[in-house]
N, C-alpha and C. Protein backbone atom coordinates (compact mmCIF):
# COMPACT_ATOMS: atom_id res chain seq x y z
N MET A 1 -34.37 -3.94 81.70
CA MET A 1 -33.86 -3.65 83.02
C MET A 1 -34.92 -4.12 84.04
N SER A 2 -34.47 -4.85 85.06
CA SER A 2 -35.40 -5.33 86.09
C SER A 2 -35.85 -4.15 86.96
N ALA A 3 -36.96 -4.36 87.68
CA ALA A 3 -37.47 -3.31 88.57
C ALA A 3 -36.45 -2.97 89.65
N SER A 4 -35.76 -3.96 90.19
CA SER A 4 -34.77 -3.68 91.24
C SER A 4 -33.59 -2.90 90.67
N ASP A 5 -33.13 -3.23 89.46
CA ASP A 5 -32.06 -2.46 88.82
C ASP A 5 -32.50 -1.02 88.55
N TYR A 6 -33.75 -0.87 88.14
CA TYR A 6 -34.31 0.45 87.87
C TYR A 6 -34.30 1.30 89.14
N LEU A 7 -34.72 0.70 90.26
CA LEU A 7 -34.76 1.43 91.53
C LEU A 7 -33.37 1.80 92.01
N ILE A 8 -32.42 0.90 91.84
CA ILE A 8 -31.04 1.22 92.22
C ILE A 8 -30.53 2.38 91.38
N ARG A 9 -30.84 2.35 90.10
CA ARG A 9 -30.43 3.46 89.22
C ARG A 9 -31.09 4.77 89.65
N LEU A 10 -32.38 4.70 90.01
CA LEU A 10 -33.13 5.88 90.40
C LEU A 10 -32.63 6.46 91.72
N THR A 11 -32.32 5.61 92.69
CA THR A 11 -31.95 6.06 94.03
C THR A 11 -30.45 6.07 94.28
N GLY A 12 -29.68 5.57 93.33
CA GLY A 12 -28.24 5.51 93.50
C GLY A 12 -27.82 4.49 94.54
N GLY A 13 -28.74 3.60 94.93
CA GLY A 13 -28.42 2.60 95.94
C GLY A 13 -28.37 3.16 97.36
N SER A 14 -28.75 4.42 97.54
CA SER A 14 -28.74 5.06 98.86
C SER A 14 -29.87 4.51 99.72
N PRO A 15 -29.70 4.52 101.04
CA PRO A 15 -30.80 4.10 101.91
C PRO A 15 -31.86 5.22 101.97
N PRO A 16 -33.11 4.87 102.23
CA PRO A 16 -34.14 5.91 102.34
C PRO A 16 -33.96 6.73 103.61
N VAL A 17 -34.38 7.99 103.55
CA VAL A 17 -34.37 8.86 104.73
C VAL A 17 -35.66 8.69 105.52
N ILE A 18 -36.70 8.14 104.88
CA ILE A 18 -37.97 7.81 105.54
C ILE A 18 -38.41 6.44 105.05
N ARG A 19 -38.80 5.60 106.00
CA ARG A 19 -39.43 4.32 105.67
C ARG A 19 -40.82 4.34 106.29
N SER A 20 -41.83 4.35 105.45
CA SER A 20 -43.21 4.38 105.91
C SER A 20 -44.04 3.66 104.86
N ASP A 21 -45.26 4.11 104.59
CA ASP A 21 -46.04 3.51 103.51
C ASP A 21 -45.25 3.60 102.20
N TRP A 22 -44.54 4.71 102.04
CA TRP A 22 -43.63 4.92 100.92
C TRP A 22 -42.23 5.10 101.50
N GLU A 23 -41.22 4.71 100.75
CA GLU A 23 -39.84 5.04 101.12
C GLU A 23 -39.50 6.36 100.43
N VAL A 24 -38.78 7.22 101.14
CA VAL A 24 -38.41 8.52 100.60
C VAL A 24 -36.89 8.62 100.63
N TYR A 25 -36.31 9.00 99.49
CA TYR A 25 -34.86 9.12 99.33
C TYR A 25 -34.52 10.57 99.04
N LEU A 26 -33.43 11.04 99.62
CA LEU A 26 -32.89 12.36 99.29
C LEU A 26 -31.72 12.13 98.35
N ILE A 27 -31.91 12.46 97.09
CA ILE A 27 -30.90 12.26 96.06
C ILE A 27 -30.60 13.61 95.43
N GLY A 28 -29.41 14.15 95.71
CA GLY A 28 -29.06 15.47 95.19
C GLY A 28 -30.05 16.49 95.68
N ASN A 29 -30.68 17.21 94.76
CA ASN A 29 -31.64 18.25 95.10
C ASN A 29 -33.08 17.78 94.83
N SER A 30 -33.31 16.47 95.02
CA SER A 30 -34.63 15.90 94.78
C SER A 30 -35.00 14.92 95.87
N LEU A 31 -36.29 14.76 96.06
CA LEU A 31 -36.81 13.68 96.87
C LEU A 31 -37.41 12.65 95.91
N ILE A 32 -37.11 11.39 96.16
CA ILE A 32 -37.68 10.29 95.39
C ILE A 32 -38.59 9.52 96.34
N TYR A 33 -39.85 9.40 95.97
CA TYR A 33 -40.83 8.61 96.72
C TYR A 33 -40.99 7.29 95.99
N LYS A 34 -40.87 6.17 96.71
CA LYS A 34 -40.93 4.86 96.05
C LYS A 34 -41.81 3.92 96.85
N LYS A 35 -42.63 3.16 96.11
CA LYS A 35 -43.44 2.11 96.74
C LYS A 35 -43.44 0.90 95.82
N GLU A 36 -43.07 -0.23 96.39
CA GLU A 36 -43.11 -1.48 95.63
C GLU A 36 -44.49 -2.09 95.77
N GLN A 37 -44.89 -2.90 94.81
CA GLN A 37 -46.21 -3.51 94.77
C GLN A 37 -47.29 -2.44 94.96
N CYS A 38 -47.15 -1.42 94.18
CA CYS A 38 -48.00 -0.23 94.25
C CYS A 38 -49.29 -0.46 93.47
N THR A 39 -50.39 0.06 94.00
CA THR A 39 -51.67 0.01 93.31
C THR A 39 -52.10 1.44 92.97
N PRO A 40 -53.04 1.60 92.07
CA PRO A 40 -53.52 2.96 91.76
C PRO A 40 -54.07 3.67 93.01
N GLU A 41 -54.66 2.93 93.94
CA GLU A 41 -55.18 3.53 95.17
C GLU A 41 -54.07 4.14 96.01
N ASP A 42 -52.86 3.58 95.93
CA ASP A 42 -51.72 4.11 96.68
C ASP A 42 -51.31 5.50 96.20
N THR A 43 -51.62 5.81 94.95
CA THR A 43 -51.16 7.06 94.36
C THR A 43 -52.22 8.16 94.38
N GLU A 44 -53.46 7.83 94.77
CA GLU A 44 -54.54 8.82 94.72
C GLU A 44 -54.45 9.92 95.78
N PRO A 45 -54.15 9.59 97.05
CA PRO A 45 -54.10 10.67 98.04
C PRO A 45 -53.00 11.69 97.72
N THR A 46 -53.24 12.94 98.06
CA THR A 46 -52.28 14.02 97.83
C THR A 46 -51.06 13.82 98.72
N PHE A 47 -49.90 14.12 98.17
CA PHE A 47 -48.66 14.11 98.94
C PHE A 47 -48.45 15.50 99.51
N PHE A 48 -48.08 15.58 100.78
CA PHE A 48 -47.69 16.88 101.32
C PHE A 48 -46.18 16.90 101.51
N LEU A 49 -45.62 18.06 101.30
CA LEU A 49 -44.18 18.28 101.45
C LEU A 49 -43.99 19.66 102.05
N HIS A 50 -43.56 19.69 103.31
CA HIS A 50 -43.35 20.94 104.02
C HIS A 50 -41.86 21.07 104.33
N LEU A 51 -41.29 22.19 103.93
CA LEU A 51 -39.86 22.43 104.08
C LEU A 51 -39.61 23.58 105.04
N ASP A 52 -38.77 23.34 106.04
CA ASP A 52 -38.32 24.40 106.94
C ASP A 52 -36.98 24.90 106.44
N PRO A 53 -36.90 26.16 106.02
CA PRO A 53 -35.63 26.68 105.50
C PRO A 53 -34.66 26.99 106.63
N VAL A 54 -33.38 26.96 106.33
CA VAL A 54 -32.37 27.41 107.28
C VAL A 54 -32.59 28.89 107.56
N ASP A 55 -32.89 29.67 106.53
CA ASP A 55 -33.13 31.11 106.66
C ASP A 55 -34.55 31.41 106.16
N ALA A 56 -35.44 31.81 107.07
CA ALA A 56 -36.84 32.07 106.71
C ALA A 56 -36.98 33.13 105.62
N ALA A 57 -35.99 33.99 105.46
CA ALA A 57 -36.04 35.02 104.41
C ALA A 57 -35.99 34.40 103.01
N ASP A 58 -35.58 33.13 102.91
CA ASP A 58 -35.54 32.45 101.62
C ASP A 58 -36.92 32.01 101.13
N LEU A 59 -37.89 32.01 102.03
CA LEU A 59 -39.24 31.59 101.65
C LEU A 59 -39.89 32.61 100.73
N PRO A 60 -40.82 32.15 99.88
CA PRO A 60 -41.63 33.12 99.13
C PRO A 60 -42.37 34.00 100.14
N VAL A 61 -42.57 35.23 99.81
CA VAL A 61 -43.16 36.21 100.72
C VAL A 61 -44.50 35.72 101.29
N TRP A 62 -45.31 35.02 100.49
CA TRP A 62 -46.62 34.57 100.96
C TRP A 62 -46.52 33.42 101.96
N ARG A 63 -45.31 32.87 102.17
CA ARG A 63 -45.13 31.79 103.15
C ARG A 63 -44.47 32.28 104.44
N TRP A 64 -44.07 33.54 104.51
CA TRP A 64 -43.38 34.06 105.70
C TRP A 64 -44.23 33.88 106.95
N LEU A 65 -45.51 34.10 106.85
CA LEU A 65 -46.41 33.97 108.00
C LEU A 65 -46.36 32.56 108.59
N TYR A 66 -46.20 31.55 107.74
CA TYR A 66 -46.23 30.15 108.18
C TYR A 66 -44.86 29.63 108.63
N GLY A 67 -43.79 30.19 108.10
CA GLY A 67 -42.45 29.78 108.48
C GLY A 67 -41.96 28.53 107.80
N PHE A 68 -42.72 28.00 106.87
CA PHE A 68 -42.29 26.83 106.09
C PHE A 68 -42.87 26.93 104.69
N ASP A 69 -42.26 26.20 103.76
CA ASP A 69 -42.74 26.16 102.39
C ASP A 69 -43.63 24.95 102.22
N ASN A 70 -44.70 25.10 101.48
CA ASN A 70 -45.66 24.02 101.24
C ASN A 70 -45.59 23.64 99.77
N LEU A 71 -45.05 22.45 99.49
CA LEU A 71 -44.90 21.98 98.11
C LEU A 71 -45.72 20.72 97.87
N ASP A 72 -46.98 20.69 98.35
CA ASP A 72 -47.85 19.54 98.15
C ASP A 72 -47.94 19.22 96.66
N PHE A 73 -48.16 17.93 96.34
CA PHE A 73 -48.24 17.56 94.93
C PHE A 73 -49.10 16.32 94.73
N SER A 74 -49.53 16.17 93.51
CA SER A 74 -50.29 14.99 93.09
C SER A 74 -49.34 14.02 92.42
N PHE A 75 -49.47 12.75 92.74
CA PHE A 75 -48.59 11.74 92.16
C PHE A 75 -48.69 11.74 90.63
N SER A 76 -49.87 11.96 90.10
CA SER A 76 -50.04 11.89 88.64
C SER A 76 -49.17 12.89 87.90
N ASN A 77 -48.74 13.95 88.57
CA ASN A 77 -47.86 14.94 87.94
C ASN A 77 -46.38 14.55 88.02
N HIS A 78 -46.07 13.48 88.72
CA HIS A 78 -44.67 13.09 88.95
C HIS A 78 -44.49 11.59 88.76
N LEU A 79 -45.22 11.01 87.86
CA LEU A 79 -45.37 9.58 87.72
C LEU A 79 -44.16 8.89 87.09
N LEU A 80 -43.70 7.86 87.76
CA LEU A 80 -42.72 6.92 87.20
C LEU A 80 -43.17 5.54 87.65
N ILE A 81 -43.57 4.68 86.74
CA ILE A 81 -44.00 3.33 87.13
C ILE A 81 -43.24 2.32 86.29
N LYS A 82 -42.77 1.28 86.94
CA LYS A 82 -42.05 0.21 86.25
C LYS A 82 -42.41 -1.10 86.94
N ARG A 83 -43.13 -1.94 86.26
CA ARG A 83 -43.46 -3.29 86.74
C ARG A 83 -43.96 -3.32 88.18
N GLY A 84 -45.04 -2.59 88.45
CA GLY A 84 -45.66 -2.62 89.77
C GLY A 84 -44.98 -1.78 90.83
N VAL A 85 -43.94 -1.04 90.46
CA VAL A 85 -43.25 -0.17 91.39
C VAL A 85 -43.59 1.27 91.00
N CYS A 86 -44.02 2.05 91.99
CA CYS A 86 -44.33 3.46 91.75
C CYS A 86 -43.22 4.32 92.34
N ALA A 87 -42.89 5.37 91.65
CA ALA A 87 -41.90 6.32 92.16
C ALA A 87 -42.29 7.71 91.67
N ALA A 88 -42.07 8.68 92.52
CA ALA A 88 -42.32 10.08 92.17
C ALA A 88 -41.07 10.86 92.53
N ARG A 89 -40.73 11.81 91.69
CA ARG A 89 -39.56 12.66 91.95
C ARG A 89 -40.04 14.09 92.15
N ARG A 90 -39.58 14.70 93.23
CA ARG A 90 -39.96 16.10 93.53
C ARG A 90 -38.70 16.90 93.71
N GLU A 91 -38.49 17.87 92.82
CA GLU A 91 -37.33 18.76 92.93
C GLU A 91 -37.49 19.66 94.15
N LEU A 92 -36.39 19.93 94.82
CA LEU A 92 -36.40 20.84 95.97
C LEU A 92 -35.95 22.22 95.53
N PRO A 93 -36.38 23.26 96.24
CA PRO A 93 -35.96 24.62 95.88
C PRO A 93 -34.47 24.82 96.13
N ASP A 94 -33.95 25.92 95.63
CA ASP A 94 -32.51 26.19 95.71
C ASP A 94 -32.03 26.76 97.03
N TYR A 95 -32.91 26.96 98.00
CA TYR A 95 -32.45 27.48 99.29
C TYR A 95 -32.08 26.33 100.23
N ALA A 96 -31.29 26.64 101.26
CA ALA A 96 -30.87 25.63 102.24
C ALA A 96 -32.07 25.21 103.09
N ILE A 97 -32.24 23.92 103.23
CA ILE A 97 -33.38 23.35 103.96
C ILE A 97 -32.88 22.75 105.27
N ALA A 98 -33.53 23.12 106.37
CA ALA A 98 -33.15 22.58 107.68
C ALA A 98 -33.87 21.27 107.97
N ALA A 99 -35.16 21.18 107.65
CA ALA A 99 -35.94 19.98 107.95
C ALA A 99 -37.06 19.81 106.94
N THR A 100 -37.49 18.57 106.79
CA THR A 100 -38.53 18.21 105.83
C THR A 100 -39.58 17.34 106.53
N ARG A 101 -40.85 17.63 106.26
CA ARG A 101 -41.96 16.79 106.70
C ARG A 101 -42.75 16.43 105.46
N THR A 102 -43.08 15.16 105.32
CA THR A 102 -43.79 14.72 104.13
C THR A 102 -44.69 13.54 104.46
N GLY A 103 -45.60 13.25 103.55
CA GLY A 103 -46.52 12.13 103.71
C GLY A 103 -47.66 12.27 102.72
N GLN A 104 -48.77 11.60 103.03
CA GLN A 104 -49.96 11.68 102.19
C GLN A 104 -51.17 11.96 103.07
N PHE A 105 -52.17 12.62 102.46
CA PHE A 105 -53.39 12.91 103.20
C PHE A 105 -54.61 12.87 102.29
N THR A 106 -55.76 12.71 102.91
CA THR A 106 -57.05 12.83 102.24
C THR A 106 -57.84 13.86 103.02
N GLY A 107 -59.08 14.09 102.64
CA GLY A 107 -59.95 15.00 103.37
C GLY A 107 -60.23 14.53 104.79
N GLU A 108 -59.96 13.26 105.06
CA GLU A 108 -60.20 12.70 106.39
C GLU A 108 -58.97 12.77 107.29
N GLY A 109 -57.83 13.16 106.76
CA GLY A 109 -56.62 13.27 107.58
C GLY A 109 -55.40 12.64 106.91
N ARG A 110 -54.33 12.58 107.68
CA ARG A 110 -53.07 12.04 107.16
C ARG A 110 -53.08 10.52 107.16
N ILE A 111 -52.54 9.95 106.10
CA ILE A 111 -52.44 8.50 105.95
C ILE A 111 -51.11 8.03 106.53
N TRP A 112 -50.06 8.73 106.16
CA TRP A 112 -48.72 8.44 106.69
C TRP A 112 -47.93 9.74 106.65
N GLU A 113 -46.89 9.78 107.46
CA GLU A 113 -46.01 10.95 107.44
C GLU A 113 -44.66 10.56 108.01
N GLY A 114 -43.67 11.35 107.66
CA GLY A 114 -42.32 11.17 108.16
C GLY A 114 -41.58 12.49 108.06
N SER A 115 -40.47 12.58 108.76
CA SER A 115 -39.68 13.81 108.71
C SER A 115 -38.21 13.47 108.87
N PHE A 116 -37.39 14.40 108.45
CA PHE A 116 -35.94 14.25 108.62
C PHE A 116 -35.29 15.62 108.55
N ASP A 117 -34.16 15.74 109.23
CA ASP A 117 -33.36 16.96 109.17
C ASP A 117 -32.45 16.89 107.96
N VAL A 118 -32.32 18.01 107.27
CA VAL A 118 -31.45 18.07 106.10
C VAL A 118 -30.13 18.74 106.46
N ALA A 119 -30.21 19.90 107.08
CA ALA A 119 -29.00 20.65 107.46
C ALA A 119 -29.31 21.45 108.70
N GLU A 120 -28.29 21.74 109.45
CA GLU A 120 -28.46 22.58 110.63
C GLU A 120 -27.58 23.81 110.45
N PRO A 121 -28.06 24.97 110.87
CA PRO A 121 -27.23 26.17 110.75
C PRO A 121 -25.98 26.04 111.63
N ALA A 122 -24.85 26.38 111.08
CA ALA A 122 -23.61 26.40 111.84
C ALA A 122 -23.52 27.75 112.57
N GLY A 123 -22.59 27.89 113.50
CA GLY A 123 -22.45 29.10 114.27
C GLY A 123 -22.18 30.33 113.44
N ASP A 124 -21.61 30.18 112.23
CA ASP A 124 -21.28 31.33 111.39
C ASP A 124 -22.42 31.71 110.45
N GLY A 125 -23.58 31.04 110.59
CA GLY A 125 -24.71 31.35 109.74
C GLY A 125 -24.74 30.57 108.46
N ASN A 126 -23.71 29.79 108.19
CA ASN A 126 -23.69 28.95 106.99
C ASN A 126 -24.31 27.60 107.32
N THR A 127 -24.59 26.82 106.31
CA THR A 127 -25.18 25.51 106.51
C THR A 127 -24.07 24.51 106.80
N ALA A 128 -24.32 23.68 107.80
CA ALA A 128 -23.36 22.61 108.12
C ALA A 128 -23.41 21.56 107.03
N PRO A 129 -22.31 20.85 106.79
CA PRO A 129 -22.33 19.82 105.74
C PRO A 129 -23.22 18.67 106.10
């Protein structure tokens, strides 16, 4: 299978929700991070993933103070590489998510970042489609 066929299979052919140093796709209940012509240096910085829930009560109790969930991760724990293309898959929690902020950082600061809205609360308190 070619690298492009592999990526289409991985992302379902959907467009990315973020285009930056990495492309980020929302596929079902997962985020897929993809970078073509990837080097080991591209995967070293930590990825940050901050989720704003539709209902703050869905957060783990230790995150209530912050108002968002922090699901930072290391690429090495989510590794998928095929012919110079790097991809990482990060499962999302089971609660409704209003917005997502993600990117990579080092001790010196953020390298790249992007954000997108996932769902907005409807007037009845349910999540809009």
